Amino acid sequence: MPLVFWEDDQGGVTGSNHIREKDGIWAVLAWLSILAGRNMSVEQVLLNHWSTYGRNFFTRYDYENCESAPCNKMMAALDTMSDNASMVGKELSQSGKTYTVAKIDNFAYTDPIDGSVAKKQVRLAEGVCFVKIDVMYHVLEVDNRMDENQ
């Protein structure tokens, strides 16, 4: 089994900041490691993955240079919705497709290594989660570290 490293923006496995987003480099190295370890083509790896786990994908959108106050106000409104479950059962439409909100909740990430709990940290997958009937979900979070770095 190949060894795969993931980089996170809060230190991770890299120790420099000469490349702003190092995730792309780590993704390429991860793919090369997987391909070498399994001796398969990209297509074979994907088909094998899809046959085991189904077809899935992940996408992420970062909005930078946003004012914190409106973002925090949005998150407070979403927190209220998750507390009283007012969104559950609502239908939301986009691009001609309608989704029913099956669940909305706040969650936290507990590090499996050191047991630390991260709350409201974008990189550690904590935030408000909408789970939809077709198993699509969105995680919405505010990364206040951007204010510190500017």
Protein backbone atom coordinates (compact mmCIF):
# COMPACT_ATOMS: atom_id res chain seq x y z
CA MET A 1 0.00 0.00 0.00
CA PRO A 2 1.47 3.37 -0.94
CA LEU A 3 2.00 6.03 1.69
CA VAL A 4 -0.10 9.14 1.03
CA PHE A 5 0.42 12.49 2.78
CA TRP A 6 -2.19 15.23 2.97
CA GLU A 7 -1.27 18.83 3.66
CA ASP A 8 -3.36 21.13 5.77
CA ASP A 9 -3.15 24.89 5.92
CA GLN A 10 -2.39 24.97 9.63
CA GLY A 11 1.03 23.35 9.51
CA GLY A 12 0.51 19.94 7.99
CA VAL A 13 3.50 18.21 6.49
CA THR A 14 5.06 21.23 4.82
CA GLY A 15 7.12 23.83 6.57
CA SER A 16 7.27 26.77 4.20
CA ASN A 17 4.92 29.27 2.63
CA HIS A 18 6.63 29.95 -0.70
CA ILE A 19 3.73 28.21 -2.47
CA ARG A 20 0.40 29.52 -1.20
CA GLU A 21 -1.74 26.46 -1.93
CA LYS A 22 0.42 23.37 -1.59
CA ASP A 23 -2.54 20.95 -1.75
CA GLY A 24 -2.19 20.60 -5.53
CA ILE A 25 1.39 19.39 -5.24
CA TRP A 26 0.41 16.89 -2.55
CA ALA A 27 -2.51 15.69 -4.67
CA VAL A 28 -0.17 14.99 -7.59
CA LEU A 29 2.28 13.17 -5.32
CA ALA A 30 -0.59 11.20 -3.78
CA TRP A 31 -1.83 10.13 -7.22
CA LEU A 32 1.67 9.13 -8.32
CA SER A 33 2.07 7.12 -5.12
CA ILE A 34 -1.29 5.37 -5.61
CA LEU A 35 -0.60 4.60 -9.28
CA ALA A 36 2.86 3.23 -8.49
CA GLY A 37 1.65 1.19 -5.52
CA ARG A 38 -1.31 -0.35 -7.32
CA ASN A 39 0.31 -0.62 -10.76
CA MET A 40 -2.95 0.54 -12.39
CA SER A 41 -4.00 3.34 -14.71
CA VAL A 42 -6.00 6.30 -13.40
CA GLU A 43 -9.06 4.86 -15.14
CA GLN A 44 -8.61 1.47 -13.45
CA VAL A 45 -8.19 3.09 -10.02
CA LEU A 46 -11.36 5.18 -10.52
CA LEU A 47 -13.43 2.25 -11.81
CA ASN A 48 -12.27 0.15 -8.86
CA HIS A 49 -13.15 2.97 -6.44
CA TRP A 50 -16.56 3.53 -8.03
CA SER A 51 -17.40 -0.19 -7.93
CA THR A 52 -16.66 -0.21 -4.19
CA TYR A 53 -17.95 3.19 -3.01
CA GLY A 54 -20.13 4.50 -5.84
CA ARG A 55 -19.47 7.62 -7.85
CA ASN A 56 -18.70 10.63 -5.71
CA PHE A 57 -16.80 13.88 -5.86
CA PHE A 58 -15.76 16.81 -3.73
CA THR A 59 -15.52 20.46 -4.64
CA ARG A 60 -14.59 23.43 -2.52
CA TYR A 61 -15.08 27.15 -3.03
CA ASP A 62 -13.12 29.68 -0.99
CA TYR A 63 -14.28 33.28 -0.94
CA GLU A 64 -11.46 35.55 0.19
CA ASN A 65 -11.35 39.16 1.32
CA CYS A 66 -14.89 38.99 2.68
CA GLU A 67 -15.87 41.12 5.65
CA SER A 68 -16.18 39.01 8.80
CA ALA A 69 -19.36 40.64 10.16
CA PRO A 70 -21.74 39.55 7.33
CA CYS A 71 -20.19 36.06 7.30
CA ASN A 72 -20.62 35.70 11.06
CA LYS A 73 -24.22 36.97 10.75
CA MET A 74 -24.93 34.30 8.10
CA MET A 75 -23.44 31.59 10.34
CA ALA A 76 -25.53 32.78 13.31
CA ALA A 77 -28.68 32.49 11.17
CA LEU A 78 -27.67 28.97 10.11
CA ASP A 79 -26.94 28.06 13.74
CA THR A 80 -30.48 29.17 14.64
CA MET A 81 -31.91 27.05 11.81
CA SER A 82 -29.96 24.02 13.01
CA ASP A 83 -31.10 24.54 16.61
CA ASN A 84 -34.80 24.56 15.75
CA ALA A 85 -34.63 22.29 12.66
CA SER A 86 -36.74 24.79 10.69
CA MET A 87 -35.03 23.81 7.42
CA VAL A 88 -35.72 20.07 7.67
CA GLY A 89 -38.24 19.06 5.01
CA LYS A 90 -37.88 22.31 3.04
CA GLU A 91 -37.37 22.07 -0.69
CA LEU A 92 -34.53 24.04 -2.28
CA SER A 93 -34.16 24.37 -6.04
CA GLN A 94 -31.14 25.11 -8.17
CA SER A 95 -30.37 24.52 -11.85
CA GLY A 96 -33.73 22.89 -12.43
CA LYS A 97 -33.30 20.29 -9.68
CA THR A 98 -35.15 20.31 -6.36
CA TYR A 99 -33.63 18.97 -3.16
CA THR A 100 -35.31 18.25 0.16
CA VAL A 101 -33.29 19.11 3.25
CA ALA A 102 -33.08 15.90 5.27
CA LYS A 103 -30.87 17.20 8.08
CA ILE A 104 -29.16 20.36 9.27
CA ASP A 105 -26.80 20.30 12.20
CA ASN A 106 -23.72 21.78 13.78
CA PHE A 107 -20.85 19.40 14.21
CA ALA A 108 -17.31 19.42 15.50
CA TYR A 109 -14.20 17.49 14.51
CA THR A 110 -12.30 15.45 17.07
CA ASP A 111 -8.71 14.65 16.11
CA PRO A 112 -8.29 10.86 16.25
CA ILE A 113 -4.61 11.19 17.21
CA ASP A 114 -4.52 13.67 20.08
CA GLY A 115 -8.23 13.89 20.94
CA SER A 116 -8.38 17.67 20.53
CA VAL A 117 -11.73 19.10 19.46
CA ALA A 118 -11.85 21.76 16.77
CA LYS A 119 -14.89 23.99 16.56
CA LYS A 120 -15.60 26.41 13.73
CA GLN A 121 -12.37 25.55 11.94
CA VAL A 122 -12.75 25.41 8.17
CA ARG A 123 -9.83 23.08 7.58
CA LEU A 124 -11.04 20.60 10.16
CA ALA A 125 -14.55 20.18 8.74
CA GLU A 126 -16.67 21.79 11.44
CA GLY A 127 -19.66 23.91 10.59
CA VAL A 128 -23.26 23.75 9.52
CA CYS A 129 -24.09 20.75 7.38
CA PHE A 130 -27.07 20.34 5.08
CA VAL A 131 -27.66 16.71 4.20
CA LYS A 132 -29.96 16.21 1.23
CA ILE A 133 -32.00 13.24 0.11
CA ASP A 134 -29.63 12.35 -2.73
CA VAL A 135 -26.72 12.22 -0.28
CA MET A 136 -25.29 15.56 -1.34
CA TYR A 137 -24.24 17.92 1.42
CA HIS A 138 -22.74 21.35 1.92
CA VAL A 139 -20.52 22.47 4.74
CA LEU A 140 -20.57 26.22 5.36
CA GLU A 141 -17.90 27.77 7.53
CA VAL A 142 -16.15 31.05 8.26
CA ASP A 143 -12.36 31.01 8.36
CA ASN A 144 -11.41 33.97 10.53
CA ARG A 145 -7.72 33.16 10.09
CA MET A 146 -7.83 35.04 6.78
CA ASP A 147 -8.30 38.30 8.72
CA GLU A 148 -5.17 37.52 10.74
CA ASN A 149 -3.04 36.84 7.65
CA GLN A 150 -3.85 40.04 5.74
